[in-house]
């Protein structure tokens, strides 16, 4: 059973940067496609970015496109999200998630989330 734990959130001023990390345990992270999601207060959980098993393919939604980079280090069992030029609408809880390639309709494993607060 893969367990995920996010870290790196915090309070940052608008225009600043944060690097989120997601540490995995209990499984081989290289077998999983990974993603970052965000959930703002009172809003639904939304996709931010995805990355395939070896990092050769990434996808970004419009929210952070051009201002973020998703990456992974399978040897360290860690997923990252570098976020730059943050805006107040980036305030949310950020979650990492993992799924096996054959599971196409949902992410199987989720972390508890890390809070990001962007002040204006």
N, C-alpha and C. Protein backbone atom coordinates (compact mmCIF):
# COMPACT_ATOMS: atom_id res chain seq x y z
N UNK A 1 0.83 -1.17 0.00
CA UNK A 1 0.00 0.00 0.00
C UNK A 1 0.88 1.25 0.00
N UNK A 2 0.79 2.03 -1.05
CA UNK A 2 1.58 3.24 -1.15
C UNK A 2 1.02 4.31 -0.21
N UNK A 3 1.90 4.93 0.53
CA UNK A 3 1.51 6.06 1.38
C UNK A 3 2.24 7.31 0.91
N UNK A 4 1.52 8.41 0.86
CA UNK A 4 2.06 9.66 0.35
C UNK A 4 1.95 10.74 1.42
N UNK A 5 3.00 11.53 1.55
CA UNK A 5 2.98 12.64 2.50
C UNK A 5 3.59 13.87 1.84
N UNK A 6 2.79 14.93 1.79
CA UNK A 6 3.25 16.18 1.21
C UNK A 6 3.96 17.04 2.24
N UNK A 7 4.82 17.91 1.74
CA UNK A 7 5.48 18.90 2.59
C UNK A 7 5.88 20.09 1.73
N UNK A 8 6.30 21.16 2.37
CA UNK A 8 6.78 22.31 1.64
C UNK A 8 5.80 23.46 1.53
N UNK A 9 4.58 23.25 2.00
CA UNK A 9 3.63 24.34 1.97
C UNK A 9 3.98 25.41 3.00
N UNK A 10 3.23 26.50 2.95
CA UNK A 10 3.46 27.57 3.90
C UNK A 10 2.86 28.87 3.42
N UNK A 11 3.27 29.94 4.07
CA UNK A 11 2.80 31.28 3.74
C UNK A 11 3.85 31.97 2.87
N UNK A 12 3.41 32.51 1.75
CA UNK A 12 4.32 33.19 0.83
C UNK A 12 3.63 34.42 0.28
N UNK A 13 4.40 35.45 0.00
CA UNK A 13 3.84 36.65 -0.59
C UNK A 13 3.60 36.45 -2.09
N UNK A 14 2.65 37.16 -2.61
CA UNK A 14 2.38 37.12 -4.05
C UNK A 14 3.67 37.42 -4.81
N UNK A 15 3.90 36.63 -5.84
CA UNK A 15 5.13 36.76 -6.60
C UNK A 15 6.23 35.83 -6.16
N UNK A 16 6.03 35.22 -5.01
CA UNK A 16 7.04 34.32 -4.46
C UNK A 16 6.94 32.92 -5.03
N UNK A 17 7.80 32.05 -4.51
CA UNK A 17 7.90 30.68 -4.99
C UNK A 17 7.84 29.70 -3.83
N UNK A 18 7.39 28.52 -4.14
CA UNK A 18 7.41 27.40 -3.20
C UNK A 18 7.72 26.13 -3.96
N UNK A 19 8.36 25.22 -3.28
CA UNK A 19 8.59 23.88 -3.84
C UNK A 19 7.92 22.88 -2.92
N UNK A 20 6.91 22.22 -3.45
CA UNK A 20 6.23 21.17 -2.70
C UNK A 20 6.90 19.84 -2.98
N UNK A 21 6.91 18.99 -1.97
CA UNK A 21 7.43 17.64 -2.10
C UNK A 21 6.37 16.64 -1.67
N UNK A 22 6.46 15.48 -2.22
CA UNK A 22 5.55 14.38 -1.86
C UNK A 22 6.40 13.13 -1.72
N UNK A 23 6.57 12.68 -0.50
CA UNK A 23 7.37 11.49 -0.22
C UNK A 23 6.48 10.26 -0.20
N UNK A 24 6.92 9.24 -0.90
CA UNK A 24 6.16 8.00 -0.99
C UNK A 24 6.86 6.89 -0.23
N UNK A 25 6.07 6.00 0.33
CA UNK A 25 6.60 4.82 1.00
C UNK A 25 5.65 3.66 0.78
N UNK A 26 6.17 2.45 0.98
CA UNK A 26 5.33 1.27 0.88
C UNK A 26 5.14 0.73 -0.51
N UNK A 27 5.86 1.27 -1.47
CA UNK A 27 5.71 0.78 -2.83
C UNK A 27 6.75 1.40 -3.74
N UNK A 28 6.84 0.88 -4.94
CA UNK A 28 7.78 1.38 -5.94
C UNK A 28 7.13 2.53 -6.69
N UNK A 29 7.58 3.73 -6.40
CA UNK A 29 6.95 4.91 -7.01
C UNK A 29 7.06 4.91 -8.53
N UNK A 30 8.07 4.24 -9.05
CA UNK A 30 8.26 4.24 -10.51
C UNK A 30 7.16 3.49 -11.24
N UNK A 31 6.32 2.79 -10.54
CA UNK A 31 5.20 2.08 -11.16
C UNK A 31 3.96 2.96 -11.30
N UNK A 32 4.01 4.15 -10.76
CA UNK A 32 2.80 4.97 -10.67
C UNK A 32 2.90 6.25 -11.48
N UNK A 33 1.80 6.61 -12.09
CA UNK A 33 1.63 7.95 -12.61
C UNK A 33 1.22 8.84 -11.43
N UNK A 34 1.75 10.04 -11.43
CA UNK A 34 1.56 10.92 -10.28
C UNK A 34 0.93 12.23 -10.70
N UNK A 35 0.33 12.89 -9.73
CA UNK A 35 -0.32 14.17 -10.04
C UNK A 35 -0.34 15.05 -8.80
N UNK A 36 -0.47 16.33 -9.04
CA UNK A 36 -0.76 17.31 -8.00
C UNK A 36 -2.15 17.88 -8.24
N UNK A 37 -2.88 18.01 -7.16
CA UNK A 37 -4.20 18.62 -7.16
C UNK A 37 -4.19 19.77 -6.14
N UNK A 38 -5.16 20.64 -6.26
CA UNK A 38 -5.33 21.70 -5.28
C UNK A 38 -6.81 21.83 -4.93
N UNK A 39 -7.07 22.25 -3.72
CA UNK A 39 -8.44 22.47 -3.29
C UNK A 39 -8.49 23.76 -2.48
N UNK A 40 -9.11 24.77 -3.07
CA UNK A 40 -9.29 26.05 -2.40
C UNK A 40 -10.46 25.95 -1.42
N UNK A 41 -10.51 26.82 -0.44
CA UNK A 41 -11.60 26.76 0.54
C UNK A 41 -12.98 26.82 -0.12
N UNK A 42 -13.80 25.86 0.20
CA UNK A 42 -15.15 25.82 -0.33
C UNK A 42 -15.26 25.42 -1.79
N UNK A 43 -14.15 25.00 -2.37
CA UNK A 43 -14.15 24.63 -3.79
C UNK A 43 -13.85 23.15 -3.97
N UNK A 44 -14.07 22.67 -5.18
CA UNK A 44 -13.77 21.29 -5.48
C UNK A 44 -12.26 21.10 -5.68
N UNK A 45 -11.83 19.86 -5.60
CA UNK A 45 -10.43 19.53 -5.82
C UNK A 45 -10.15 19.54 -7.32
N UNK A 46 -9.10 20.23 -7.72
CA UNK A 46 -8.80 20.41 -9.14
C UNK A 46 -7.38 19.96 -9.46
N UNK A 47 -7.23 19.43 -10.65
CA UNK A 47 -5.93 18.98 -11.12
C UNK A 47 -5.02 20.17 -11.39
N UNK A 48 -3.75 20.03 -11.03
CA UNK A 48 -2.75 21.05 -11.34
C UNK A 48 -1.78 20.54 -12.42
N UNK A 49 -1.25 19.33 -12.21
CA UNK A 49 -0.27 18.80 -13.15
C UNK A 49 -0.16 17.29 -12.97
N UNK A 50 0.26 16.61 -14.02
CA UNK A 50 0.50 15.18 -13.96
C UNK A 50 1.87 14.87 -14.56
N UNK A 51 2.39 13.70 -14.21
CA UNK A 51 3.66 13.25 -14.73
C UNK A 51 3.61 11.73 -14.86
N UNK A 52 4.22 11.21 -15.91
CA UNK A 52 4.17 9.77 -16.08
C UNK A 52 5.27 9.10 -15.25
N UNK A 53 5.39 7.79 -15.40
CA UNK A 53 6.20 7.02 -14.47
C UNK A 53 7.67 7.42 -14.48
N UNK A 54 8.23 7.70 -15.65
CA UNK A 54 9.66 8.03 -15.70
C UNK A 54 9.92 9.52 -15.90
N UNK A 55 8.89 10.33 -15.87
CA UNK A 55 9.06 11.77 -15.97
C UNK A 55 9.20 12.29 -17.38
N UNK A 56 9.02 11.44 -18.39
CA UNK A 56 9.20 11.87 -19.76
C UNK A 56 8.00 12.63 -20.32
N UNK A 57 6.87 12.55 -19.64
CA UNK A 57 5.66 13.23 -20.07
C UNK A 57 5.07 14.00 -18.89
N UNK A 58 4.75 15.26 -19.14
CA UNK A 58 4.08 16.08 -18.14
C UNK A 58 2.93 16.83 -18.78
N UNK A 59 1.97 17.16 -17.97
CA UNK A 59 0.80 17.91 -18.42
C UNK A 59 0.43 18.91 -17.33
N UNK A 60 0.08 20.12 -17.76
CA UNK A 60 -0.32 21.17 -16.82
C UNK A 60 -1.67 21.73 -17.22
N UNK A 61 -2.51 21.95 -16.25
CA UNK A 61 -3.73 22.67 -16.53
C UNK A 61 -3.39 24.16 -16.65
N UNK A 62 -4.33 24.91 -17.14
CA UNK A 62 -4.07 26.33 -17.39
C UNK A 62 -3.74 27.10 -16.11
N UNK A 63 -4.16 26.57 -14.96
CA UNK A 63 -4.03 27.33 -13.72
C UNK A 63 -2.59 27.74 -13.45
N UNK A 64 -1.66 26.79 -13.58
CA UNK A 64 -0.25 27.08 -13.25
C UNK A 64 0.68 26.91 -14.46
N UNK A 65 0.12 26.79 -15.64
CA UNK A 65 0.95 26.56 -16.81
C UNK A 65 1.92 27.71 -17.00
N UNK A 66 3.19 27.40 -17.19
CA UNK A 66 4.21 28.42 -17.36
C UNK A 66 4.78 28.95 -16.07
N UNK A 67 4.13 28.60 -14.96
CA UNK A 67 4.60 29.08 -13.65
C UNK A 67 4.92 27.93 -12.71
N UNK A 68 4.83 26.70 -13.19
CA UNK A 68 5.09 25.57 -12.32
C UNK A 68 5.81 24.47 -13.08
N UNK A 69 6.48 23.62 -12.34
CA UNK A 69 7.17 22.47 -12.91
C UNK A 69 6.94 21.26 -12.01
N UNK A 70 6.39 20.21 -12.61
CA UNK A 70 6.24 18.95 -11.88
C UNK A 70 7.43 18.07 -12.25
N UNK A 71 7.98 17.40 -11.27
CA UNK A 71 9.12 16.51 -11.52
C UNK A 71 9.10 15.40 -10.49
N UNK A 72 9.95 14.43 -10.70
CA UNK A 72 10.00 13.30 -9.78
C UNK A 72 11.40 12.74 -9.72
N UNK A 73 11.71 12.14 -8.60
CA UNK A 73 12.97 11.43 -8.40
C UNK A 73 12.59 10.06 -7.87
N UNK A 74 12.51 9.09 -8.77
CA UNK A 74 12.06 7.76 -8.36
C UNK A 74 13.05 7.10 -7.40
N UNK A 75 14.32 7.41 -7.53
CA UNK A 75 15.30 6.84 -6.62
C UNK A 75 15.07 7.31 -5.18
N UNK A 76 14.52 8.51 -5.06
CA UNK A 76 14.21 9.06 -3.74
C UNK A 76 12.74 8.90 -3.38
N UNK A 77 11.99 8.28 -4.29
CA UNK A 77 10.54 8.08 -4.06
C UNK A 77 9.85 9.40 -3.73
N UNK A 78 10.17 10.42 -4.50
CA UNK A 78 9.65 11.75 -4.20
C UNK A 78 9.16 12.44 -5.46
N UNK A 79 8.04 13.09 -5.32
CA UNK A 79 7.43 13.91 -6.37
C UNK A 79 7.56 15.37 -5.94
N UNK A 80 7.73 16.25 -6.92
CA UNK A 80 7.90 17.66 -6.61
C UNK A 80 6.94 18.52 -7.44
N UNK A 81 6.66 19.71 -6.90
CA UNK A 81 5.97 20.74 -7.67
C UNK A 81 6.62 22.07 -7.32
N UNK A 82 7.34 22.62 -8.29
CA UNK A 82 7.93 23.94 -8.14
C UNK A 82 6.92 24.96 -8.64
N UNK A 83 6.57 25.90 -7.79
CA UNK A 83 5.58 26.90 -8.15
C UNK A 83 6.22 28.28 -8.04
N UNK A 84 6.13 29.05 -9.12
CA UNK A 84 6.73 30.38 -9.18
C UNK A 84 5.66 31.43 -9.45
N UNK A 85 6.01 32.68 -9.19
CA UNK A 85 5.09 33.79 -9.46
C UNK A 85 3.70 33.51 -8.89
N UNK A 86 3.67 33.09 -7.65
CA UNK A 86 2.40 32.71 -7.03
C UNK A 86 1.48 33.92 -6.88
N UNK A 87 0.21 33.65 -7.04
CA UNK A 87 -0.82 34.67 -6.89
C UNK A 87 -1.73 34.29 -5.73
N UNK A 88 -2.49 35.25 -5.18
CA UNK A 88 -3.39 34.92 -4.07
C UNK A 88 -4.38 33.81 -4.39
N UNK A 89 -4.75 33.65 -5.66
CA UNK A 89 -5.68 32.56 -5.98
C UNK A 89 -5.01 31.20 -5.93
N UNK A 90 -3.73 31.18 -5.65
CA UNK A 90 -3.02 29.92 -5.44
C UNK A 90 -3.20 29.37 -4.04
N UNK A 91 -3.86 30.13 -3.18
CA UNK A 91 -4.13 29.67 -1.82
C UNK A 91 -5.05 28.46 -1.86
N UNK A 92 -4.55 27.35 -1.31
CA UNK A 92 -5.30 26.09 -1.36
C UNK A 92 -4.52 25.04 -0.59
N UNK A 93 -5.17 23.93 -0.37
CA UNK A 93 -4.47 22.74 0.09
C UNK A 93 -4.05 21.96 -1.16
N UNK A 94 -2.80 21.60 -1.22
CA UNK A 94 -2.25 20.88 -2.36
C UNK A 94 -2.03 19.42 -1.99
N UNK A 95 -2.52 18.56 -2.87
CA UNK A 95 -2.45 17.11 -2.64
C UNK A 95 -1.65 16.45 -3.75
N UNK A 96 -0.87 15.44 -3.39
CA UNK A 96 -0.29 14.58 -4.41
C UNK A 96 -1.10 13.28 -4.46
N UNK A 97 -1.07 12.66 -5.62
CA UNK A 97 -1.85 11.46 -5.84
C UNK A 97 -1.11 10.54 -6.78
N UNK A 98 -1.41 9.24 -6.67
CA UNK A 98 -0.74 8.24 -7.48
C UNK A 98 -1.74 7.23 -8.01
N UNK A 99 -1.50 6.75 -9.22
CA UNK A 99 -2.31 5.66 -9.75
C UNK A 99 -1.45 4.77 -10.63
N UNK A 100 -1.80 3.51 -10.68
CA UNK A 100 -1.15 2.60 -11.62
C UNK A 100 -1.67 2.91 -13.03
N UNK A 101 -0.87 2.69 -14.04
CA UNK A 101 -1.29 3.03 -15.41
C UNK A 101 -2.59 2.36 -15.84
N UNK A 102 -2.85 1.15 -15.36
CA UNK A 102 -4.04 0.42 -15.79
C UNK A 102 -5.31 0.92 -15.10
N UNK A 103 -5.17 1.74 -14.10
CA UNK A 103 -6.33 2.31 -13.42
C UNK A 103 -6.57 3.69 -14.02
N UNK A 104 -7.58 3.81 -14.85
CA UNK A 104 -7.73 5.03 -15.66
C UNK A 104 -8.79 5.98 -15.13
N UNK A 105 -9.60 5.55 -14.18
CA UNK A 105 -10.74 6.38 -13.80
C UNK A 105 -10.59 7.08 -12.45
N UNK A 106 -9.47 6.86 -11.78
CA UNK A 106 -9.32 7.52 -10.48
C UNK A 106 -7.86 7.43 -10.05
N UNK A 107 -7.49 8.27 -9.11
CA UNK A 107 -6.21 8.14 -8.44
C UNK A 107 -6.41 7.29 -7.19
N UNK A 108 -5.52 6.33 -7.03
CA UNK A 108 -5.71 5.30 -6.00
C UNK A 108 -5.21 5.74 -4.63
N UNK A 109 -4.16 6.54 -4.61
CA UNK A 109 -3.52 6.89 -3.35
C UNK A 109 -3.38 8.41 -3.26
N UNK A 110 -3.67 8.92 -2.09
CA UNK A 110 -3.63 10.36 -1.86
C UNK A 110 -2.87 10.69 -0.59
N UNK A 111 -2.18 11.82 -0.60
CA UNK A 111 -1.61 12.32 0.62
C UNK A 111 -2.62 13.16 1.38
N UNK A 112 -2.30 13.55 2.61
CA UNK A 112 -3.22 14.35 3.42
C UNK A 112 -3.27 15.80 3.02
N UNK A 113 -2.30 16.25 2.21
CA UNK A 113 -2.31 17.63 1.73
C UNK A 113 -1.37 18.54 2.51
N UNK A 114 -0.97 19.62 1.85
CA UNK A 114 -0.17 20.64 2.49
C UNK A 114 -0.75 22.01 2.13
N UNK A 115 -0.88 22.86 3.13
CA UNK A 115 -1.53 24.16 2.94
C UNK A 115 -0.55 25.16 2.32
N UNK A 116 -1.01 25.83 1.29
CA UNK A 116 -0.28 26.93 0.67
C UNK A 116 -1.13 28.18 0.79
N UNK A 117 -0.58 29.21 1.37
CA UNK A 117 -1.29 30.47 1.51
C UNK A 117 -0.47 31.57 0.86
N UNK A 118 -1.08 32.27 -0.08
CA UNK A 118 -0.40 33.34 -0.81
C UNK A 118 -1.04 34.66 -0.40
N UNK A 119 -0.25 35.50 0.20
CA UNK A 119 -0.76 36.79 0.65
C UNK A 119 -0.53 37.86 -0.42
N UNK A 120 -1.45 38.81 -0.45
CA UNK A 120 -1.36 39.87 -1.47
C UNK A 120 -0.54 41.05 -0.97
